[in-house]
Amino acid sequence: MTELLKISSEALKLMSENGIYLDDYKYVDAYEQFLRMRMFGVKYRSAISMLAQERGIGERTLQRAFKRLAREC
């Protein structure tokens, strides 16, 4: 475990400094799908609701994750 942390320390430090949570990797595909849906005119709440239901994730959880993913590092 410590070896993995040592190897990844620079990336983990950068993530921590930029407010990226370790679990955010789980939401990248959903966020990209969300952006495509929005591009095609799907309303924000509808897109969030559909993705949450499809993936079995809470709407608020997706909203928080998408807000973090939308930030520029």
PDB file of N, CA and C in Angstrom:
ATOM      1  N   MET A   1       0.826  -1.193   0.000  1.00  0.00           N
ATOM      2  CA  MET A   1       0.000   0.000   0.000  1.00  0.00           C
ATOM      3  C   MET A   1       0.868   1.253   0.000  1.00  0.00           C
ATOM      4  N   THR A   2       1.874   1.275   0.866  1.00  0.00           N
ATOM      5  CA  THR A   2       2.718   2.471   0.940  1.00  0.00           C
ATOM      6  C   THR A   2       3.480   2.695  -0.353  1.00  0.00           C
ATOM      7  N   GLU A   3       3.853   1.604  -1.017  1.00  0.00           N
ATOM      8  CA  GLU A   3       4.572   1.727  -2.287  1.00  0.00           C
ATOM      9  C   GLU A   3       3.690   2.400  -3.343  1.00  0.00           C
ATOM     10  N   LEU A   4       2.438   1.989  -3.396  1.00  0.00           N
ATOM     11  CA  LEU A   4       1.492   2.596  -4.336  1.00  0.00           C
ATOM     12  C   LEU A   4       1.310   4.078  -4.043  1.00  0.00           C
ATOM     13  N   LEU A   5       1.183   4.427  -2.784  1.00  0.00           N
ATOM     14  CA  LEU A   5       1.045   5.836  -2.406  1.00  0.00           C
ATOM     15  C   LEU A   5       2.297   6.631  -2.763  1.00  0.00           C
ATOM     16  N   LYS A   6       3.450   6.021  -2.563  1.00  0.00           N
ATOM     17  CA  LYS A   6       4.697   6.695  -2.888  1.00  0.00           C
ATOM     18  C   LYS A   6       4.798   6.970  -4.393  1.00  0.00           C
ATOM     19  N   ILE A   7       4.454   5.971  -5.198  1.00  0.00           N
ATOM     20  CA  ILE A   7       4.508   6.110  -6.654  1.00  0.00           C
ATOM     21  C   ILE A   7       3.515   7.178  -7.137  1.00  0.00           C
ATOM     22  N   SER A   8       2.363   7.237  -6.499  1.00  0.00           N
ATOM     23  CA  SER A   8       1.284   8.135  -6.934  1.00  0.00           C
ATOM     24  C   SER A   8       1.261   9.462  -6.193  1.00  0.00           C
ATOM     25  N   SER A   9       2.223   9.720  -5.357  1.00  0.00           N
ATOM     26  CA  SER A   9       2.154  10.881  -4.462  1.00  0.00           C
ATOM     27  C   SER A   9       2.008  12.215  -5.191  1.00  0.00           C
ATOM     28  N   GLU A  10       2.717  12.401  -6.283  1.00  0.00           N
ATOM     29  CA  GLU A  10       2.623  13.682  -7.001  1.00  0.00           C
ATOM     30  C   GLU A  10       1.224  13.890  -7.586  1.00  0.00           C
ATOM     31  N   ALA A  11       0.668  12.850  -8.197  1.00  0.00           N
ATOM     32  CA  ALA A  11      -0.680  12.951  -8.769  1.00  0.00           C
ATOM     33  C   ALA A  11      -1.710  13.162  -7.663  1.00  0.00           C
ATOM     34  N   LEU A  12      -1.566  12.450  -6.557  1.00  0.00           N
ATOM     35  CA  LEU A  12      -2.503  12.596  -5.441  1.00  0.00           C
ATOM     36  C   LEU A  12      -2.415  13.989  -4.827  1.00  0.00           C
ATOM     37  N   LYS A  13      -1.222  14.512  -4.714  1.00  0.00           N
ATOM     38  CA  LYS A  13      -1.038  15.865  -4.181  1.00  0.00           C
ATOM     39  C   LYS A  13      -1.713  16.891  -5.089  1.00  0.00           C
ATOM     40  N   LEU A  14      -1.501  16.768  -6.398  1.00  0.00           N
ATOM     41  CA  LEU A  14      -2.123  17.679  -7.363  1.00  0.00           C
ATOM     42  C   LEU A  14      -3.647  17.594  -7.286  1.00  0.00           C
ATOM     43  N   MET A  15      -4.168  16.386  -7.174  1.00  0.00           N
ATOM     44  CA  MET A  15      -5.612  16.199  -7.059  1.00  0.00           C
ATOM     45  C   MET A  15      -6.139  16.854  -5.788  1.00  0.00           C
ATOM     46  N   SER A  16      -5.469  16.633  -4.699  1.00  0.00           N
ATOM     47  CA  SER A  16      -5.888  17.196  -3.415  1.00  0.00           C
ATOM     48  C   SER A  16      -5.878  18.725  -3.446  1.00  0.00           C
ATOM     49  N   GLU A  17      -4.844  19.292  -4.029  1.00  0.00           N
ATOM     50  CA  GLU A  17      -4.732  20.753  -4.110  1.00  0.00           C
ATOM     51  C   GLU A  17      -5.811  21.372  -4.984  1.00  0.00           C
ATOM     52  N   ASN A  18      -6.362  20.588  -5.908  1.00  0.00           N
ATOM     53  CA  ASN A  18      -7.373  21.102  -6.829  1.00  0.00           C
ATOM     54  C   ASN A  18      -8.784  20.637  -6.493  1.00  0.00           C
ATOM     55  N   GLY A  19      -8.976  20.076  -5.305  1.00  0.00           N
ATOM     56  CA  GLY A  19     -10.312  19.702  -4.859  1.00  0.00           C
ATOM     57  C   GLY A  19     -10.901  18.497  -5.565  1.00  0.00           C
ATOM     58  N   ILE A  20     -10.045  17.641  -6.112  1.00  0.00           N
ATOM     59  CA  ILE A  20     -10.515  16.438  -6.789  1.00  0.00           C
ATOM     60  C   ILE A  20     -10.573  15.305  -5.769  1.00  0.00           C
ATOM     61  N   TYR A  21     -11.707  14.670  -5.687  1.00  0.00           N
ATOM     62  CA  TYR A  21     -11.873  13.554  -4.764  1.00  0.00           C
ATOM     63  C   TYR A  21     -11.369  12.270  -5.424  1.00  0.00           C
ATOM     64  N   LEU A  22     -10.892  11.336  -4.632  1.00  0.00           N
ATOM     65  CA  LEU A  22     -10.392  10.076  -5.175  1.00  0.00           C
ATOM     66  C   LEU A  22     -11.469   9.313  -5.938  1.00  0.00           C
ATOM     67  N   ASP A  23     -12.713   9.414  -5.508  1.00  0.00           N
ATOM     68  CA  ASP A  23     -13.809   8.697  -6.162  1.00  0.00           C
ATOM     69  C   ASP A  23     -14.319   9.379  -7.432  1.00  0.00           C
ATOM     70  N   ASP A  24     -13.810  10.536  -7.776  1.00  0.00           N
ATOM     71  CA  ASP A  24     -14.309  11.250  -8.952  1.00  0.00           C
ATOM     72  C   ASP A  24     -14.097  10.481 -10.255  1.00  0.00           C
ATOM     73  N   TYR A  25     -13.143   9.579 -10.287  1.00  0.00           N
ATOM     74  CA  TYR A  25     -12.924   8.784 -11.503  1.00  0.00           C
ATOM     75  C   TYR A  25     -14.193   8.021 -11.887  1.00  0.00           C
ATOM     76  N   LYS A  26     -15.024   7.693 -10.916  1.00  0.00           N
ATOM     77  CA  LYS A  26     -16.253   6.936 -11.162  1.00  0.00           C
ATOM     78  C   LYS A  26     -17.267   7.720 -11.989  1.00  0.00           C
ATOM     79  N   TYR A  27     -17.148   9.038 -11.966  1.00  0.00           N
ATOM     80  CA  TYR A  27     -18.172   9.886 -12.566  1.00  0.00           C
ATOM     81  C   TYR A  27     -17.756  10.499 -13.903  1.00  0.00           C
ATOM     82  N   VAL A  28     -16.537  10.230 -14.369  1.00  0.00           N
ATOM     83  CA  VAL A  28     -16.049  10.848 -15.604  1.00  0.00           C
ATOM     84  C   VAL A  28     -16.911  10.452 -16.801  1.00  0.00           C
ATOM     85  N   ASP A  29     -17.213   9.166 -16.945  1.00  0.00           N
ATOM     86  CA  ASP A  29     -18.042   8.719 -18.074  1.00  0.00           C
ATOM     87  C   ASP A  29     -19.438   9.347 -18.005  1.00  0.00           C
ATOM     88  N   ALA A  30     -20.009   9.386 -16.818  1.00  0.00           N
ATOM     89  CA  ALA A  30     -21.339   9.983 -16.656  1.00  0.00           C
ATOM     90  C   ALA A  30     -21.295  11.467 -16.984  1.00  0.00           C
ATOM     91  N   TYR A  31     -20.213  12.144 -16.593  1.00  0.00           N
ATOM     92  CA  TYR A  31     -20.086  13.580 -16.871  1.00  0.00           C
ATOM     93  C   TYR A  31     -19.983  13.828 -18.375  1.00  0.00           C
ATOM     94  N   GLU A  32     -19.216  13.009 -19.070  1.00  0.00           N
ATOM     95  CA  GLU A  32     -19.107  13.155 -20.526  1.00  0.00           C
ATOM     96  C   GLU A  32     -20.450  12.902 -21.199  1.00  0.00           C
ATOM     97  N   GLN A  33     -21.192  11.916 -20.701  1.00  0.00           N
ATOM     98  CA  GLN A  33     -22.534  11.650 -21.234  1.00  0.00           C
ATOM     99  C   GLN A  33     -23.457  12.829 -20.936  1.00  0.00           C
ATOM    100  N   PHE A  34     -23.344  13.388 -19.742  1.00  0.00           N
ATOM    101  CA  PHE A  34     -24.131  14.561 -19.352  1.00  0.00           C
ATOM    102  C   PHE A  34     -23.866  15.726 -20.304  1.00  0.00           C
ATOM    103  N   LEU A  35     -22.606  15.977 -20.625  1.00  0.00           N
ATOM    104  CA  LEU A  35     -22.262  17.080 -21.532  1.00  0.00           C
ATOM    105  C   LEU A  35     -22.855  16.855 -22.922  1.00  0.00           C
ATOM    106  N   ARG A  36     -22.810  15.603 -23.399  1.00  0.00           N
ATOM    107  CA  ARG A  36     -23.417  15.298 -24.703  1.00  0.00           C
ATOM    108  C   ARG A  36     -24.929  15.528 -24.671  1.00  0.00           C
ATOM    109  N   MET A  37     -25.562  15.096 -23.585  1.00  0.00           N
ATOM    110  CA  MET A  37     -27.010  15.281 -23.450  1.00  0.00           C
ATOM    111  C   MET A  37     -27.358  16.766 -23.478  1.00  0.00           C
ATOM    112  N   ARG A  38     -26.580  17.554 -22.761  1.00  0.00           N
ATOM    113  CA  ARG A  38     -26.832  19.005 -22.715  1.00  0.00           C
ATOM    114  C   ARG A  38     -26.628  19.628 -24.099  1.00  0.00           C
ATOM    115  N   MET A  39     -25.626  19.134 -24.826  1.00  0.00           N
ATOM    116  CA  MET A  39     -25.369  19.648 -26.165  1.00  0.00           C
ATOM    117  C   MET A  39     -26.566  19.399 -27.088  1.00  0.00           C
ATOM    118  N   PHE A  40     -27.258  18.295 -26.861  1.00  0.00           N
ATOM    119  CA  PHE A  40     -28.416  17.957 -27.673  1.00  0.00           C
ATOM    120  C   PHE A  40     -29.711  18.554 -27.135  1.00  0.00           C
ATOM    121  N   GLY A  41     -29.598  19.430 -26.133  1.00  0.00           N
ATOM    122  CA  GLY A  41     -30.756  20.168 -25.662  1.00  0.00           C
ATOM    123  C   GLY A  41     -31.519  19.571 -24.490  1.00  0.00           C
ATOM    124  N   VAL A  42     -30.998  18.513 -23.895  1.00  0.00           N
ATOM    125  CA  VAL A  42     -31.674  17.937 -22.730  1.00  0.00           C
ATOM    126  C   VAL A  42     -31.490  18.896 -21.555  1.00  0.00           C
ATOM    127  N   LYS A  43     -32.563  19.173 -20.869  1.00  0.00           N
ATOM    128  CA  LYS A  43     -32.503  20.100 -19.733  1.00  0.00           C
ATOM    129  C   LYS A  43     -31.650  19.518 -18.607  1.00  0.00           C
ATOM    130  N   TYR A  44     -31.039  20.417 -17.834  1.00  0.00           N
ATOM    131  CA  TYR A  44     -30.113  20.046 -16.759  1.00  0.00           C
ATOM    132  C   TYR A  44     -30.727  19.009 -15.825  1.00  0.00           C
ATOM    133  N   ARG A  45     -31.885  19.324 -15.256  1.00  0.00           N
ATOM    134  CA  ARG A  45     -32.511  18.428 -14.268  1.00  0.00           C
ATOM    135  C   ARG A  45     -32.873  17.080 -14.886  1.00  0.00           C
ATOM    136  N   SER A  46     -33.346  17.098 -16.124  1.00  0.00           N
ATOM    137  CA  SER A  46     -33.706  15.846 -16.792  1.00  0.00           C
ATOM    138  C   SER A  46     -32.476  14.981 -17.015  1.00  0.00           C
ATOM    139  N   ALA A  47     -31.375  15.588 -17.450  1.00  0.00           N
ATOM    140  CA  ALA A  47     -30.138  14.842 -17.692  1.00  0.00           C
ATOM    141  C   ALA A  47     -29.626  14.226 -16.396  1.00  0.00           C
ATOM    142  N   ILE A  48     -29.611  15.012 -15.328  1.00  0.00           N
ATOM    143  CA  ILE A  48     -29.160  14.516 -14.027  1.00  0.00           C
ATOM    144  C   ILE A  48     -30.049  13.361 -13.574  1.00  0.00           C
ATOM    145  N   SER A  49     -31.327  13.543 -13.683  1.00  0.00           N
ATOM    146  CA  SER A  49     -32.282  12.524 -13.251  1.00  0.00           C
ATOM    147  C   SER A  49     -32.101  11.227 -14.030  1.00  0.00           C
ATOM    148  N   MET A  50     -31.988  11.323 -15.351  1.00  0.00           N
ATOM    149  CA  MET A  50     -31.823  10.132 -16.185  1.00  0.00           C
ATOM    150  C   MET A  50     -30.531   9.394 -15.853  1.00  0.00           C
ATOM    151  N   LEU A  51     -29.435  10.140 -15.712  1.00  0.00           N
ATOM    152  CA  LEU A  51     -28.149   9.512 -15.412  1.00  0.00           C
ATOM    153  C   LEU A  51     -28.142   8.877 -14.025  1.00  0.00           C
ATOM    154  N   ALA A  52     -28.747   9.551 -13.066  1.00  0.00           N
ATOM    155  CA  ALA A  52     -28.801   9.022 -11.700  1.00  0.00           C
ATOM    156  C   ALA A  52     -29.586   7.714 -11.677  1.00  0.00           C
ATOM    157  N   GLN A  53     -30.716   7.706 -12.351  1.00  0.00           N
ATOM    158  CA  GLN A  53     -31.549   6.506 -12.379  1.00  0.00           C
ATOM    159  C   GLN A  53     -30.848   5.369 -13.133  1.00  0.00           C
ATOM    160  N   GLU A  54     -30.233   5.702 -14.245  1.00  0.00           N
ATOM    161  CA  GLU A  54     -29.544   4.707 -15.075  1.00  0.00           C
ATOM    162  C   GLU A  54     -28.381   4.045 -14.330  1.00  0.00           C
ATOM    163  N   ARG A  55     -27.684   4.829 -13.537  1.00  0.00           N
ATOM    164  CA  ARG A  55     -26.473   4.337 -12.869  1.00  0.00           C
ATOM    165  C   ARG A  55     -26.682   3.983 -11.399  1.00  0.00           C
ATOM    166  N   GLY A  56     -27.882   4.213 -10.881  1.00  0.00           N
ATOM    167  CA  GLY A  56     -28.147   3.889  -9.485  1.00  0.00           C
ATOM    168  C   GLY A  56     -27.387   4.773  -8.508  1.00  0.00           C
ATOM    169  N   ILE A  57     -27.252   6.028  -8.873  1.00  0.00           N
ATOM    170  CA  ILE A  57     -26.529   7.013  -8.062  1.00  0.00           C
ATOM    171  C   ILE A  57     -27.515   8.122  -7.707  1.00  0.00           C
ATOM    172  N   GLY A  58     -27.355   8.708  -6.539  1.00  0.00           N
ATOM    173  CA  GLY A  58     -28.221   9.812  -6.149  1.00  0.00           C
ATOM    174  C   GLY A  58     -28.004  11.048  -7.017  1.00  0.00           C
ATOM    175  N   GLU A  59     -29.074  11.765  -7.277  1.00  0.00           N
ATOM    176  CA  GLU A  59     -28.980  12.968  -8.099  1.00  0.00           C
ATOM    177  C   GLU A  59     -28.025  13.987  -7.496  1.00  0.00           C
ATOM    178  N   ARG A  60     -28.129  14.178  -6.199  1.00  0.00           N
ATOM    179  CA  ARG A  60     -27.273  15.162  -5.531  1.00  0.00           C
ATOM    180  C   ARG A  60     -25.797  14.754  -5.610  1.00  0.00           C
ATOM    181  N   THR A  61     -25.538  13.460  -5.529  1.00  0.00           N
ATOM    182  CA  THR A  61     -24.169  12.960  -5.653  1.00  0.00           C
ATOM    183  C   THR A  61     -23.603  13.314  -7.025  1.00  0.00           C
ATOM    184  N   LEU A  62     -24.404  13.093  -8.068  1.00  0.00           N
ATOM    185  CA  LEU A  62     -23.963  13.450  -9.417  1.00  0.00           C
ATOM    186  C   LEU A  62     -23.762  14.948  -9.555  1.00  0.00           C
ATOM    187  N   GLN A  63     -24.671  15.735  -9.016  1.00  0.00           N
ATOM    188  CA  GLN A  63     -24.528  17.190  -9.109  1.00  0.00           C
ATOM    189  C   GLN A  63     -23.226  17.660  -8.481  1.00  0.00           C
ATOM    190  N   ARG A  64     -22.903  17.143  -7.305  1.00  0.00           N
ATOM    191  CA  ARG A  64     -21.654  17.537  -6.632  1.00  0.00           C
ATOM    192  C   ARG A  64     -20.438  17.093  -7.439  1.00  0.00           C
ATOM    193  N   ALA A  65     -20.464  15.862  -7.935  1.00  0.00           N
ATOM    194  CA  ALA A  65     -19.334  15.355  -8.718  1.00  0.00           C
ATOM    195  C   ALA A  65     -19.167  16.153 -10.006  1.00  0.00           C
ATOM    196  N   PHE A  66     -20.260  16.458 -10.685  1.00  0.00           N
ATOM    197  CA  PHE A  66     -20.193  17.203 -11.938  1.00  0.00           C
ATOM    198  C   PHE A  66     -19.685  18.628 -11.696  1.00  0.00           C
ATOM    199  N   LYS A  67     -20.056  19.203 -10.574  1.00  0.00           N
ATOM    200  CA  LYS A  67     -19.569  20.536 -10.241  1.00  0.00           C
ATOM    201  C   LYS A  67     -18.047  20.520 -10.074  1.00  0.00           C
ATOM    202  N   ARG A  68     -17.535  19.493  -9.413  1.00  0.00           N
ATOM    203  CA  ARG A  68     -16.078  19.372  -9.253  1.00  0.00           C
ATOM    204  C   ARG A  68     -15.411  19.127 -10.599  1.00  0.00           C
ATOM    205  N   LEU A  69     -15.997  18.250 -11.429  1.00  0.00           N
ATOM    206  CA  LEU A  69     -15.402  17.915 -12.705  1.00  0.00           C
ATOM    207  C   LEU A  69     -15.432  19.084 -13.697  1.00  0.00           C
ATOM    208  N   ALA A  70     -16.343  19.998 -13.519  1.00  0.00           N
ATOM    209  CA  ALA A  70     -16.463  21.139 -14.420  1.00  0.00           C
ATOM    210  C   ALA A  70     -15.397  22.207 -14.156  1.00  0.00           C
ATOM    211  N   ARG A  71     -14.800  22.153 -12.985  1.00  0.00           N
ATOM    212  CA  ARG A  71     -13.772  23.153 -12.636  1.00  0.00           C
ATOM    213  C   ARG A  71     -12.500  22.939 -13.441  1.00  0.00           C
ATOM    214  N   GLU A  72     -11.846  24.038 -13.766  1.00  0.00           N
ATOM    215  CA  GLU A  72     -10.540  23.972 -14.425  1.00  0.00           C
ATOM    216  C   GLU A  72      -9.464  23.804 -13.362  1.00  0.00           C
ATOM    217  N   CYS A  73      -8.502  22.954 -13.619  1.00  0.00           N
ATOM    218  CA  CYS A  73      -7.390  22.752 -12.672  1.00  0.00           C
ATOM    219  C   CYS A  73      -6.290  23.773 -12.933  1.00  0.00           C
TER     220      CYS A  73
END
